[in-house]
Amino acid sequence: MKTDQVNPTVVLPFVRCALGCIHREYPHVHFYGLSEENDLVPHRQLNPAFYGCLDWHSAVHNHWLLVRVMRCFPEVELSEEAREKVSQNLTPEAIAQEADYLKDRPEFECPYGLGWLLQLTAELRGWNDSQGKQWGEILQPLEEVAVNNLRQWLLDLACPNRSGTHIQTAFAMGLIWDWAKTTDNQDLAGLVKERAKMFYHGDRNYPLHIEPLGCDFLSPTLAEADLMRRFLDAENFANWLGEFLPNIPETPEIDWLSPVIPSNPTDYQQSHFDGLNLSRAWMLEGIIAGLPPDDPRISSLQAVAAVHRRVGLKPVSLCDYAGSHWLGSFAVYLLTQRGLGYT
């Protein structure tokens, strides 16, 4: 499904969530170390561009959401308000301070938040819009620091993180890879490919049945497969997937992977399950895209992806800030098939 097949009104609830979020300072969770009492300062002083939302990474991918919608659906209601609010945050002064902050703290929001920052800059690079190009130029100093920090993270990585939350390795590597291909950064793309093959190429009989773990919003299993399809050709990916997940049915069955419904939509951790349904849907679609068109597993993968898409796009957690501060980004990522490279 390309963006011209999506009714623009579908994205409006997610746009409204983002607009109500990127300038909202509290509640906020900020992770940084303190060396002395003077280090304890309000987060807006530290991060004057991405201070809104519950945390820095959510602020970043809500900016991405607004840019993505403006680019894919230029006629959508609220576009002018989105332009105004994004412009208030993406100023040269604010981005210069953000870049200085990241230079001094290479571990900050690495890899998840920095991966989303690259999604934002990649989106702006591909958008033929004068204001979008201006925002892209403003973000270049921060993009450069993020790339350097992520490159060093990859070089230092001894083993992958196989959790289902922000520190997962596979999902972040997919975001980095997509940026590297967009910008033709062969050095970073080569490093991602090298590390992915080292960490994942030999995986066999992966225990998808034990997911989700705790408060996952990403599937460790599907994220790994969605990463591997990015640089393996169809035949090799099909063979790898057969050893990695040997029990995928060859008939359109759906009982091998079911959506997870939060029982308490105001719980910040349970809201992760709404995100899990969305990310599973786009990862399944990515896996399908990586297979030969006559692969017998496609019908089953499509059936499960459709169920997760249907459930995920009606997230129960969107009614509360626990979900509304971030789920829109995941919904728009799925609806516009960003992971498949559609523009």
C-alpha atoms as a PDB file:
ATOM      1  CA  MET A   1       0.000   0.000   0.000  1.00  0.00           C
ATOM      2  CA  LYS A   2       1.531   3.280  -1.112  1.00  0.00           C
ATOM      3  CA  THR A   3       0.636   6.638   0.403  1.00  0.00           C
ATOM      4  CA  ASP A   4      -1.700   7.529  -2.460  1.00  0.00           C
ATOM      5  CA  GLN A   5      -3.865   4.622  -1.311  1.00  0.00           C
ATOM      6  CA  VAL A   6      -4.255   6.026   2.212  1.00  0.00           C
ATOM      7  CA  ASN A   7      -7.136   8.362   3.050  1.00  0.00           C
ATOM      8  CA  PRO A   8      -5.483  11.451   4.581  1.00  0.00           C
ATOM      9  CA  THR A   9      -8.200  11.718   7.223  1.00  0.00           C
ATOM     10  CA  VAL A  10      -6.877   8.490   8.760  1.00  0.00           C
ATOM     11  CA  VAL A  11      -3.719  10.256   9.929  1.00  0.00           C
ATOM     12  CA  LEU A  12      -5.481  13.278  11.467  1.00  0.00           C
ATOM     13  CA  PRO A  13      -5.862  11.818  14.997  1.00  0.00           C
ATOM     14  CA  PHE A  14      -2.149  11.056  15.053  1.00  0.00           C
ATOM     15  CA  VAL A  15      -1.269  14.540  13.804  1.00  0.00           C
ATOM     16  CA  ARG A  16      -3.375  16.075  16.575  1.00  0.00           C
ATOM     17  CA  CYS A  17      -1.571  13.975  19.161  1.00  0.00           C
ATOM     18  CA  ALA A  18       1.812  15.140  17.881  1.00  0.00           C
ATOM     19  CA  LEU A  19       0.748  18.787  17.793  1.00  0.00           C
ATOM     20  CA  GLY A  20      -0.419  18.528  21.375  1.00  0.00           C
ATOM     21  CA  CYS A  21       2.832  16.930  22.408  1.00  0.00           C
ATOM     22  CA  ILE A  22       5.935  18.589  20.918  1.00  0.00           C
ATOM     23  CA  HIS A  23       5.585  21.737  23.065  1.00  0.00           C
ATOM     24  CA  ARG A  24       4.311  20.002  26.184  1.00  0.00           C
ATOM     25  CA  GLU A  25       7.071  20.037  28.787  1.00  0.00           C
ATOM     26  CA  TYR A  26       5.494  17.829  31.450  1.00  0.00           C
ATOM     27  CA  PRO A  27       5.205  15.040  32.360  1.00  0.00           C
ATOM     28  CA  HIS A  28       8.744  14.280  31.268  1.00  0.00           C
ATOM     29  CA  VAL A  29      11.311  11.543  31.835  1.00  0.00           C
ATOM     30  CA  HIS A  30      14.919  12.530  31.238  1.00  0.00           C
ATOM     31  CA  PHE A  31      17.920  10.244  31.504  1.00  0.00           C
ATOM     32  CA  TYR A  32      21.231  11.887  32.224  1.00  0.00           C
ATOM     33  CA  GLY A  33      24.007  11.550  34.762  1.00  0.00           C
ATOM     34  CA  LEU A  34      24.714  14.051  37.496  1.00  0.00           C
ATOM     35  CA  SER A  35      28.254  14.862  38.608  1.00  0.00           C
ATOM     36  CA  GLU A  36      27.249  17.645  40.961  1.00  0.00           C
ATOM     37  CA  GLU A  37      24.187  19.525  42.156  1.00  0.00           C
ATOM     38  CA  ASN A  38      24.591  22.212  39.510  1.00  0.00           C
ATOM     39  CA  ASP A  39      24.000  19.575  36.826  1.00  0.00           C
ATOM     40  CA  LEU A  40      20.347  19.322  37.830  1.00  0.00           C
ATOM     41  CA  VAL A  41      18.628  21.773  35.483  1.00  0.00           C
ATOM     42  CA  PRO A  42      15.271  21.724  33.644  1.00  0.00           C
ATOM     43  CA  HIS A  43      15.338  19.583  30.539  1.00  0.00           C
ATOM     44  CA  ARG A  44      14.227  22.443  28.293  1.00  0.00           C
ATOM     45  CA  GLN A  45      17.500  24.225  29.057  1.00  0.00           C
ATOM     46  CA  LEU A  46      19.437  21.149  27.992  1.00  0.00           C
ATOM     47  CA  ASN A  47      17.363  20.225  24.937  1.00  0.00           C
ATOM     48  CA  PRO A  48      15.625  23.350  23.632  1.00  0.00           C
ATOM     49  CA  ALA A  49      14.426  21.698  20.392  1.00  0.00           C
ATOM     50  CA  PHE A  50      13.261  18.285  21.607  1.00  0.00           C
ATOM     51  CA  TYR A  51      11.999  19.073  25.091  1.00  0.00           C
ATOM     52  CA  GLY A  52       8.347  18.189  24.486  1.00  0.00           C
ATOM     53  CA  CYS A  53       6.666  14.807  24.965  1.00  0.00           C
ATOM     54  CA  LEU A  54       7.517  12.373  27.707  1.00  0.00           C
ATOM     55  CA  ASP A  55      11.129  12.002  26.556  1.00  0.00           C
ATOM     56  CA  TRP A  56      13.636  13.159  23.958  1.00  0.00           C
ATOM     57  CA  HIS A  57      13.127  10.308  21.507  1.00  0.00           C
ATOM     58  CA  SER A  58       9.352  10.742  21.506  1.00  0.00           C
ATOM     59  CA  ALA A  59       9.807  14.423  20.753  1.00  0.00           C
ATOM     60  CA  VAL A  60      12.064  13.519  17.844  1.00  0.00           C
ATOM     61  CA  HIS A  61       9.769  10.987  16.264  1.00  0.00           C
ATOM     62  CA  ASN A  62       6.749  13.246  16.706  1.00  0.00           C
ATOM     63  CA  HIS A  63       8.616  15.854  14.654  1.00  0.00           C
ATOM     64  CA  TRP A  64       9.247  13.083  12.133  1.00  0.00           C
ATOM     65  CA  LEU A  65       5.507  12.254  12.140  1.00  0.00           C
ATOM     66  CA  LEU A  66       4.565  15.849  11.326  1.00  0.00           C
ATOM     67  CA  VAL A  67       7.155  16.130   8.557  1.00  0.00           C
ATOM     68  CA  ARG A  68       6.179  12.736   7.138  1.00  0.00           C
ATOM     69  CA  VAL A  69       2.490  13.679   7.010  1.00  0.00           C
ATOM     70  CA  MET A  70       3.218  17.090   5.482  1.00  0.00           C
ATOM     71  CA  ARG A  71       5.348  15.403   2.838  1.00  0.00           C
ATOM     72  CA  CYS A  72       2.993  12.496   2.026  1.00  0.00           C
ATOM     73  CA  PHE A  73      -0.322  14.325   2.475  1.00  0.00           C
ATOM     74  CA  PRO A  74       0.299  18.001   1.646  1.00  0.00           C
ATOM     75  CA  GLU A  75      -3.440  18.666   1.518  1.00  0.00           C
ATOM     76  CA  VAL A  76      -4.098  17.414   5.041  1.00  0.00           C
ATOM     77  CA  GLU A  77      -5.828  19.626   7.558  1.00  0.00           C
ATOM     78  CA  LEU A  78      -3.516  21.102  10.240  1.00  0.00           C
ATOM     79  CA  SER A  79      -0.482  21.297   7.924  1.00  0.00           C
ATOM     80  CA  GLU A  80      -0.026  25.024   8.532  1.00  0.00           C
ATOM     81  CA  GLU A  81      -0.186  24.566  12.287  1.00  0.00           C
ATOM     82  CA  ALA A  82       2.348  21.763  11.982  1.00  0.00           C
ATOM     83  CA  ARG A  83       4.727  23.980  10.015  1.00  0.00           C
ATOM     84  CA  GLU A  84       4.449  26.727  12.603  1.00  0.00           C
ATOM     85  CA  LYS A  85       5.081  24.437  15.568  1.00  0.00           C
ATOM     86  CA  VAL A  86       7.993  22.597  13.976  1.00  0.00           C
ATOM     87  CA  SER A  87       9.586  25.923  13.000  1.00  0.00           C
ATOM     88  CA  GLN A  88       9.437  27.114  16.604  1.00  0.00           C
ATOM     89  CA  ASN A  89      11.607  24.174  17.677  1.00  0.00           C
ATOM     90  CA  LEU A  90      13.972  23.709  14.738  1.00  0.00           C
ATOM     91  CA  THR A  91      16.010  26.893  15.032  1.00  0.00           C
ATOM     92  CA  PRO A  92      19.772  27.173  14.454  1.00  0.00           C
ATOM     93  CA  GLU A  93      20.348  28.169  18.079  1.00  0.00           C
ATOM     94  CA  ALA A  94      18.333  25.290  19.528  1.00  0.00           C
ATOM     95  CA  ILE A  95      19.914  22.699  17.239  1.00  0.00           C
ATOM     96  CA  ALA A  96      23.415  23.976  17.979  1.00  0.00           C
ATOM     97  CA  GLN A  97      22.757  23.451  21.685  1.00  0.00           C
ATOM     98  CA  GLU A  98      21.317  19.986  21.029  1.00  0.00           C
ATOM     99  CA  ALA A  99      24.453  19.103  19.053  1.00  0.00           C
ATOM    100  CA  ASP A 100      26.729  20.279  21.858  1.00  0.00           C
ATOM    101  CA  TYR A 101      24.709  18.218  24.326  1.00  0.00           C
ATOM    102  CA  LEU A 102      25.137  15.052  22.262  1.00  0.00           C
ATOM    103  CA  LYS A 103      28.852  15.663  21.739  1.00  0.00           C
ATOM    104  CA  ASP A 104      29.387  15.599  25.475  1.00  0.00           C
ATOM    105  CA  ARG A 105      27.104  12.591  26.019  1.00  0.00           C
ATOM    106  CA  PRO A 106      27.664  10.027  23.246  1.00  0.00           C
ATOM    107  CA  GLU A 107      25.550   7.449  25.064  1.00  0.00           C
ATOM    108  CA  PHE A 108      22.484   9.721  25.261  1.00  0.00           C
ATOM    109  CA  GLU A 109      19.506   8.258  23.344  1.00  0.00           C
ATOM    110  CA  CYS A 110      21.830   5.848  21.581  1.00  0.00           C
ATOM    111  CA  PRO A 111      20.734   3.977  19.543  1.00  0.00           C
ATOM    112  CA  TYR A 112      16.927   4.395  19.542  1.00  0.00           C
ATOM    113  CA  GLY A 113      16.516   8.157  19.740  1.00  0.00           C
ATOM    114  CA  LEU A 114      19.429   8.827  17.416  1.00  0.00           C
ATOM    115  CA  GLY A 115      18.015   6.350  14.925  1.00  0.00           C
ATOM    116  CA  TRP A 116      14.762   8.291  14.864  1.00  0.00           C
ATOM    117  CA  LEU A 117      16.693  11.539  14.436  1.00  0.00           C
ATOM    118  CA  LEU A 118      18.208  10.086  11.264  1.00  0.00           C
ATOM    119  CA  GLN A 119      14.696   9.178  10.111  1.00  0.00           C
ATOM    120  CA  LEU A 120      13.754  12.830  10.544  1.00  0.00           C
ATOM    121  CA  THR A 121      16.733  14.125   8.571  1.00  0.00           C
ATOM    122  CA  ALA A 122      16.271  11.473   5.862  1.00  0.00           C
ATOM    123  CA  GLU A 123      12.639  12.560   5.511  1.00  0.00           C
ATOM    124  CA  LEU A 124      13.689  16.162   5.035  1.00  0.00           C
ATOM    125  CA  ARG A 125      16.347  15.196   2.486  1.00  0.00           C
ATOM    126  CA  GLY A 126      13.726  13.518   0.323  1.00  0.00           C
ATOM    127  CA  TRP A 127      11.110  16.266   0.558  1.00  0.00           C
ATOM    128  CA  ASN A 128      10.996  18.816  -2.248  1.00  0.00           C
ATOM    129  CA  ASP A 129       9.843  21.677  -0.066  1.00  0.00           C
ATOM    130  CA  SER A 130      11.669  24.947   0.572  1.00  0.00           C
ATOM    131  CA  GLN A 131      10.887  25.054   4.279  1.00  0.00           C
ATOM    132  CA  GLY A 132      11.721  21.360   4.616  1.00  0.00           C
ATOM    133  CA  LYS A 133      15.098  21.981   2.997  1.00  0.00           C
ATOM    134  CA  GLN A 134      15.699  24.826   5.444  1.00  0.00           C
ATOM    135  CA  TRP A 135      14.911  22.555   8.396  1.00  0.00           C
ATOM    136  CA  GLY A 136      17.265  19.945   6.951  1.00  0.00           C
ATOM    137  CA  GLU A 137      20.102  22.453   6.759  1.00  0.00           C
ATOM    138  CA  ILE A 138      19.439  23.572  10.322  1.00  0.00           C
ATOM    139  CA  LEU A 139      19.565  19.956  11.535  1.00  0.00           C
ATOM    140  CA  GLN A 140      22.845  19.091   9.793  1.00  0.00           C
ATOM    141  CA  PRO A 141      25.116  19.792  12.810  1.00  0.00           C
ATOM    142  CA  LEU A 142      22.979  17.540  15.012  1.00  0.00           C
ATOM    143  CA  GLU A 143      22.763  14.890  12.297  1.00  0.00           C
ATOM    144  CA  GLU A 144      26.554  14.826  12.045  1.00  0.00           C
ATOM    145  CA  VAL A 145      26.985  14.276  15.779  1.00  0.00           C
ATOM    146  CA  ALA A 146      24.311  11.565  15.780  1.00  0.00           C
ATOM    147  CA  VAL A 147      26.022   9.734  12.925  1.00  0.00           C
ATOM    148  CA  ASN A 148      29.371   9.871  14.707  1.00  0.00           C
ATOM    149  CA  ASN A 149      27.845   8.609  17.959  1.00  0.00           C
ATOM    150  CA  LEU A 150      26.018   5.769  16.222  1.00  0.00           C
ATOM    151  CA  ARG A 151      29.083   4.773  14.249  1.00  0.00           C
ATOM    152  CA  GLN A 152      31.110   4.529  17.435  1.00  0.00           C
ATOM    153  CA  TRP A 153      28.294   2.585  19.098  1.00  0.00           C
ATOM    154  CA  LEU A 154      28.388   0.054  16.281  1.00  0.00           C
ATOM    155  CA  LEU A 155      32.164  -0.224  16.461  1.00  0.00           C
ATOM    156  CA  ASP A 156      32.055  -0.800  20.220  1.00  0.00           C
ATOM    157  CA  LEU A 157      29.124  -3.227  20.161  1.00  0.00           C
ATOM    158  CA  ALA A 158      30.284  -6.595  21.490  1.00  0.00           C
ATOM    159  CA  CYS A 159      26.944  -8.389  21.166  1.00  0.00           C
ATOM    160  CA  PRO A 160      23.400  -7.442  20.165  1.00  0.00           C
ATOM    161  CA  ASN A 161      20.677  -6.437  22.561  1.00  0.00           C
ATOM    162  CA  ARG A 162      17.762  -8.797  21.958  1.00  0.00           C
ATOM    163  CA  SER A 163      15.142  -7.063  24.110  1.00  0.00           C
ATOM    164  CA  GLY A 164      11.913  -5.538  22.824  1.00  0.00           C
ATOM    165  CA  THR A 165      12.435  -1.963  23.995  1.00  0.00           C
ATOM    166  CA  HIS A 166      14.534   1.107  23.177  1.00  0.00           C
ATOM    167  CA  ILE A 167      17.919  -0.551  23.545  1.00  0.00           C
ATOM    168  CA  GLN A 168      17.220  -3.290  21.006  1.00  0.00           C
ATOM    169  CA  THR A 169      19.951  -3.492  18.404  1.00  0.00           C
ATOM    170  CA  ALA A 170      18.142  -4.842  15.319  1.00  0.00           C
ATOM    171  CA  PHE A 171      15.463  -2.144  15.002  1.00  0.00           C
ATOM    172  CA  ALA A 172      17.962   0.672  15.460  1.00  0.00           C
ATOM    173  CA  MET A 173      20.253  -0.856  12.864  1.00  0.00           C
ATOM    174  CA  GLY A 174      17.356  -0.902  10.409  1.00  0.00           C
ATOM    175  CA  LEU A 175      16.776   2.821  10.940  1.00  0.00           C
ATOM    176  CA  ILE A 176      20.491   3.537  10.521  1.00  0.00           C
ATOM    177  CA  TRP A 177      20.659   1.405   7.365  1.00  0.00           C
ATOM    178  CA  ASP A 178      17.721   3.243   5.785  1.00  0.00           C
ATOM    179  CA  TRP A 179      19.347   6.616   6.477  1.00  0.00           C
ATOM    180  CA  ALA A 180      22.675   5.401   5.103  1.00  0.00           C
ATOM    181  CA  LYS A 181      21.047   4.214   1.878  1.00  0.00           C
ATOM    182  CA  THR A 182      19.148   7.501   1.549  1.00  0.00           C
ATOM    183  CA  THR A 183      22.320   9.532   1.939  1.00  0.00           C
ATOM    184  CA  ASP A 184      24.618   7.075   0.129  1.00  0.00           C
ATOM    185  CA  ASN A 185      26.793   6.804   3.229  1.00  0.00           C
ATOM    186  CA  GLN A 186      28.554   3.602   2.231  1.00  0.00           C
ATOM    187  CA  ASP A 187      30.785   3.586   5.293  1.00  0.00           C
ATOM    188  CA  LEU A 188      27.880   3.443   7.736  1.00  0.00           C
ATOM    189  CA  ALA A 189      25.844   1.071   5.563  1.00  0.00           C
ATOM    190  CA  GLY A 190      28.821  -1.271   5.334  1.00  0.00           C
ATOM    191  CA  LEU A 191      29.310  -1.192   9.087  1.00  0.00           C
ATOM    192  CA  VAL A 192      25.631  -2.019   9.725  1.00  0.00           C
ATOM    193  CA  LYS A 193      25.761  -4.895   7.257  1.00  0.00           C
ATOM    194  CA  GLU A 194      28.952  -6.270   8.772  1.00  0.00           C
ATOM    195  CA  ARG A 195      27.613  -6.157  12.324  1.00  0.00           C
ATOM    196  CA  ALA A 196      24.210  -7.569  11.343  1.00  0.00           C
ATOM    197  CA  LYS A 197      25.756 -10.559   9.625  1.00  0.00           C
ATOM    198  CA  MET A 198      28.103 -11.124  12.554  1.00  0.00           C
ATOM    199  CA  PHE A 199      25.303 -10.967  15.127  1.00  0.00           C
ATOM    200  CA  TYR A 200      22.374 -12.552  13.309  1.00  0.00           C
ATOM    201  CA  HIS A 201      23.307 -14.549  10.242  1.00  0.00           C
ATOM    202  CA  GLY A 202      23.863 -17.760  12.184  1.00  0.00           C
ATOM    203  CA  ASP A 203      20.647 -17.598  14.268  1.00  0.00           C
ATOM    204  CA  ARG A 204      18.477 -20.699  14.058  1.00  0.00           C
ATOM    205  CA  ASN A 205      15.123 -21.865  15.508  1.00  0.00           C
ATOM    206  CA  TYR A 206      14.301 -18.573  17.185  1.00  0.00           C
ATOM    207  CA  PRO A 207      11.698 -18.751  20.008  1.00  0.00           C
ATOM    208  CA  LEU A 208       9.023 -16.419  18.649  1.00  0.00           C
ATOM    209  CA  HIS A 209       6.457 -18.228  20.804  1.00  0.00           C
ATOM    210  CA  ILE A 210       7.803 -16.681  24.031  1.00  0.00           C
ATOM    211  CA  GLU A 211       7.085 -13.126  22.901  1.00  0.00           C
ATOM    212  CA  PRO A 212       6.173 -10.616  24.133  1.00  0.00           C
ATOM    213  CA  LEU A 213       8.525 -10.211  27.049  1.00  0.00           C
ATOM    214  CA  GLY A 214       7.594  -7.793  29.833  1.00  0.00           C
ATOM    215  CA  CYS A 215       6.713  -4.499  28.146  1.00  0.00           C
ATOM    216  CA  ASP A 216       7.907  -5.004  24.567  1.00  0.00           C
ATOM    217  CA  PHE A 217       6.915  -2.534  21.865  1.00  0.00           C
ATOM    218  CA  LEU A 218       9.257  -4.154  19.349  1.00  0.00           C
ATOM    219  CA  SER A 219       9.485  -7.842  18.502  1.00  0.00           C
ATOM    220  CA  PRO A 220      13.106  -9.014  18.855  1.00  0.00           C
ATOM    221  CA  THR A 221      12.412 -11.837  16.410  1.00  0.00           C
ATOM    222  CA  LEU A 222      10.607  -9.900  13.685  1.00  0.00           C
ATOM    223  CA  ALA A 223      12.941  -6.899  13.988  1.00  0.00           C
ATOM    224  CA  GLU A 224      15.892  -9.165  13.296  1.00  0.00           C
ATOM    225  CA  ALA A 225      14.217 -10.652  10.225  1.00  0.00           C
ATOM    226  CA  ASP A 226      13.139  -7.197   9.025  1.00  0.00           C
ATOM    227  CA  LEU A 227      16.762  -6.092   9.294  1.00  0.00           C
ATOM    228  CA  MET A 228      18.193  -9.090   7.469  1.00  0.00           C
ATOM    229  CA  ARG A 229      15.826  -8.706   4.493  1.00  0.00           C
ATOM    230  CA  ARG A 230      17.293  -5.262   3.886  1.00  0.00           C
ATOM    231  CA  PHE A 231      20.570  -6.588   2.495  1.00  0.00           C
ATOM    232  CA  LEU A 232      20.054 -10.265   1.650  1.00  0.00           C
ATOM    233  CA  ASP A 233      18.730 -11.061  -1.820  1.00  0.00           C
ATOM    234  CA  ALA A 234      15.333 -12.769  -1.964  1.00  0.00           C
ATOM    235  CA  GLU A 235      16.643 -16.318  -2.338  1.00  0.00           C
ATOM    236  CA  ASN A 236      19.194 -16.030   0.450  1.00  0.00           C
ATOM    237  CA  PHE A 237      16.704 -14.289   2.709  1.00  0.00           C
ATOM    238  CA  ALA A 238      14.118 -17.010   2.109  1.00  0.00           C
ATOM    239  CA  ASN A 239      16.669 -19.676   3.039  1.00  0.00           C
ATOM    240  CA  TRP A 240      17.826 -17.768   6.111  1.00  0.00           C
ATOM    241  CA  LEU A 241      14.230 -17.209   7.264  1.00  0.00           C
ATOM    242  CA  GLY A 242      13.493 -20.916   6.880  1.00  0.00           C
ATOM    243  CA  GLU A 243      16.225 -21.741   9.377  1.00  0.00           C
ATOM    244  CA  PHE A 244      15.540 -18.768  11.630  1.00  0.00           C
ATOM    245  CA  LEU A 245      11.763 -19.343  11.891  1.00  0.00           C
ATOM    246  CA  PRO A 246      11.170 -22.865  10.550  1.00  0.00           C
ATOM    247  CA  ASN A 247       7.557 -23.087  11.776  1.00  0.00           C
ATOM    248  CA  ILE A 248       5.939 -20.313   9.740  1.00  0.00           C
ATOM    249  CA  PRO A 249       2.837 -21.961   8.201  1.00  0.00           C
ATOM    250  CA  GLU A 250       2.427 -22.256   4.447  1.00  0.00           C
ATOM    251  CA  THR A 251      -1.328 -21.735   4.653  1.00  0.00           C
ATOM    252  CA  PRO A 252      -3.120 -18.499   5.700  1.00  0.00           C
ATOM    253  CA  GLU A 253      -3.232 -19.244   9.402  1.00  0.00           C
ATOM    254  CA  ILE A 254      -3.259 -16.543  12.092  1.00  0.00           C
ATOM    255  CA  ASP A 255      -3.073 -18.463  15.360  1.00  0.00           C
ATOM    256  CA  TRP A 256       0.732 -18.596  15.399  1.00  0.00           C
ATOM    257  CA  LEU A 257       1.079 -14.903  16.319  1.00  0.00           C
ATOM    258  CA  SER A 258      -1.741 -12.965  18.002  1.00  0.00           C
ATOM    259  CA  PRO A 259      -2.006  -9.243  18.837  1.00  0.00           C
ATOM    260  CA  VAL A 260      -1.645  -8.208  22.471  1.00  0.00           C
ATOM    261  CA  ILE A 261      -4.358  -5.966  23.936  1.00  0.00           C
ATOM    262  CA  PRO A 262      -3.532  -3.777  26.969  1.00  0.00           C
ATOM    263  CA  SER A 263      -5.917  -4.249  29.858  1.00  0.00           C
ATOM    264  CA  ASN A 264      -5.104  -0.829  31.327  1.00  0.00           C
ATOM    265  CA  PRO A 265      -4.690   1.881  28.656  1.00  0.00           C
ATOM    266  CA  THR A 266      -3.413   4.434  31.195  1.00  0.00           C
ATOM    267  CA  ASP A 267      -0.435   2.265  32.133  1.00  0.00           C
ATOM    268  CA  TYR A 268       2.709   3.543  30.413  1.00  0.00           C
ATOM    269  CA  GLN A 269       4.230   0.068  30.168  1.00  0.00           C
ATOM    270  CA  GLN A 270       1.068  -1.632  28.908  1.00  0.00           C
ATOM    271  CA  SER A 271       0.705   1.019  26.204  1.00  0.00           C
ATOM    272  CA  HIS A 272       3.803  -0.574  24.714  1.00  0.00           C
ATOM    273  CA  PHE A 273       1.649  -3.477  23.535  1.00  0.00           C
ATOM    274  CA  ASP A 274      -0.293  -1.176  21.211  1.00  0.00           C
ATOM    275  CA  GLY A 275       3.039  -0.170  19.714  1.00  0.00           C
ATOM    276  CA  LEU A 276       4.043  -3.808  19.476  1.00  0.00           C
ATOM    277  CA  ASN A 277       1.010  -4.570  17.314  1.00  0.00           C
ATOM    278  CA  LEU A 278       1.900  -1.702  14.984  1.00  0.00           C
ATOM    279  CA  SER A 279       5.583  -2.572  14.709  1.00  0.00           C
ATOM    280  CA  ARG A 280       4.827  -6.265  14.211  1.00  0.00           C
ATOM    281  CA  ALA A 281       2.569  -5.304  11.298  1.00  0.00           C
ATOM    282  CA  TRP A 282       5.216  -3.272   9.505  1.00  0.00           C
ATOM    283  CA  MET A 283       7.952  -5.814  10.216  1.00  0.00           C
ATOM    284  CA  LEU A 284       5.815  -8.621   8.816  1.00  0.00           C
ATOM    285  CA  GLU A 285       5.203  -6.509   5.728  1.00  0.00           C
ATOM    286  CA  GLY A 286       8.947  -5.952   5.463  1.00  0.00           C
ATOM    287  CA  ILE A 287       9.611  -9.690   5.694  1.00  0.00           C
ATOM    288  CA  ILE A 288       7.060 -10.327   2.939  1.00  0.00           C
ATOM    289  CA  ALA A 289       8.741  -7.709   0.745  1.00  0.00           C
ATOM    290  CA  GLY A 290      12.073  -9.488   1.154  1.00  0.00           C
ATOM    291  CA  LEU A 291      10.811 -12.898  -0.018  1.00  0.00           C
ATOM    292  CA  PRO A 292      10.420 -14.223  -3.564  1.00  0.00           C
ATOM    293  CA  PRO A 293       6.838 -13.501  -4.737  1.00  0.00           C
ATOM    294  CA  ASP A 294       6.005 -17.202  -4.949  1.00  0.00           C
ATOM    295  CA  ASP A 295       7.177 -18.074  -1.434  1.00  0.00           C
ATOM    296  CA  PRO A 296       4.499 -20.333   0.141  1.00  0.00           C
ATOM    297  CA  ARG A 297       4.774 -18.606   3.528  1.00  0.00           C
ATOM    298  CA  ILE A 298       3.553 -15.257   2.211  1.00  0.00           C
ATOM    299  CA  SER A 299      -0.149 -16.015   2.646  1.00  0.00           C
ATOM    300  CA  SER A 300       0.318 -16.756   6.334  1.00  0.00           C
ATOM    301  CA  LEU A 301       2.541 -13.726   6.872  1.00  0.00           C
ATOM    302  CA  GLN A 302      -0.018 -11.523   5.115  1.00  0.00           C
ATOM    303  CA  ALA A 303      -2.871 -12.869   7.236  1.00  0.00           C
ATOM    304  CA  VAL A 304      -1.056 -12.195  10.498  1.00  0.00           C
ATOM    305  CA  ALA A 305       0.140  -8.764   9.315  1.00  0.00           C
ATOM    306  CA  ALA A 306      -3.449  -7.800   8.441  1.00  0.00           C
ATOM    307  CA  VAL A 307      -4.720  -8.745  11.903  1.00  0.00           C
ATOM    308  CA  HIS A 308      -1.979  -6.762  13.625  1.00  0.00           C
ATOM    309  CA  ARG A 309      -2.552  -3.777  11.317  1.00  0.00           C
ATOM    310  CA  ARG A 310      -6.284  -3.752  12.045  1.00  0.00           C
ATOM    311  CA  VAL A 311      -5.807  -3.991  15.817  1.00  0.00           C
ATOM    312  CA  GLY A 312      -2.791  -1.697  15.915  1.00  0.00           C
ATOM    313  CA  LEU A 313      -4.462   1.178  14.076  1.00  0.00           C
ATOM    314  CA  LYS A 314      -7.167   1.332  16.766  1.00  0.00           C
ATOM    315  CA  PRO A 315      -4.873   1.571  19.796  1.00  0.00           C
ATOM    316  CA  VAL A 316      -6.744   1.624  23.085  1.00  0.00           C
ATOM    317  CA  SER A 317      -3.874   3.548  24.697  1.00  0.00           C
ATOM    318  CA  LEU A 318      -4.303   6.551  22.406  1.00  0.00           C
ATOM    319  CA  CYS A 319      -6.985   7.879  24.770  1.00  0.00           C
ATOM    320  CA  ASP A 320      -4.352   8.623  27.422  1.00  0.00           C
ATOM    321  CA  TYR A 321      -0.989  10.414  27.367  1.00  0.00           C
ATOM    322  CA  ALA A 322       0.627   7.046  28.110  1.00  0.00           C
ATOM    323  CA  GLY A 323       0.030   6.166  24.481  1.00  0.00           C
ATOM    324  CA  SER A 324      -0.781   9.448  22.767  1.00  0.00           C
ATOM    325  CA  HIS A 325       2.740  10.842  23.263  1.00  0.00           C
ATOM    326  CA  TRP A 326       4.268   8.258  20.905  1.00  0.00           C
ATOM    327  CA  LEU A 327       1.871   5.803  19.217  1.00  0.00           C
ATOM    328  CA  GLY A 328       1.018   8.170  16.375  1.00  0.00           C
ATOM    329  CA  SER A 329       4.552   7.896  15.048  1.00  0.00           C
ATOM    330  CA  PHE A 330       4.310   4.127  14.884  1.00  0.00           C
ATOM    331  CA  ALA A 331       0.910   4.340  13.178  1.00  0.00           C
ATOM    332  CA  VAL A 332       2.157   6.757  10.516  1.00  0.00           C
ATOM    333  CA  TYR A 333       5.295   4.667   9.982  1.00  0.00           C
ATOM    334  CA  LEU A 334       3.027   1.692   9.253  1.00  0.00           C
ATOM    335  CA  LEU A 335       0.415   3.553   7.181  1.00  0.00           C
ATOM    336  CA  THR A 336       2.992   5.173   4.902  1.00  0.00           C
ATOM    337  CA  GLN A 337       5.207   2.059   4.714  1.00  0.00           C
ATOM    338  CA  ARG A 338       8.269   4.046   5.613  1.00  0.00           C
ATOM    339  CA  GLY A 339      10.256   0.900   6.371  1.00  0.00           C
ATOM    340  CA  LEU A 340       9.702  -0.257   2.791  1.00  0.00           C
ATOM    341  CA  GLY A 341      11.073   2.972   1.400  1.00  0.00           C
ATOM    342  CA  TYR A 342       7.829   4.431   0.034  1.00  0.00           C
ATOM    343  CA  THR A 343       7.831   8.231  -0.277  1.00  0.00           C
END
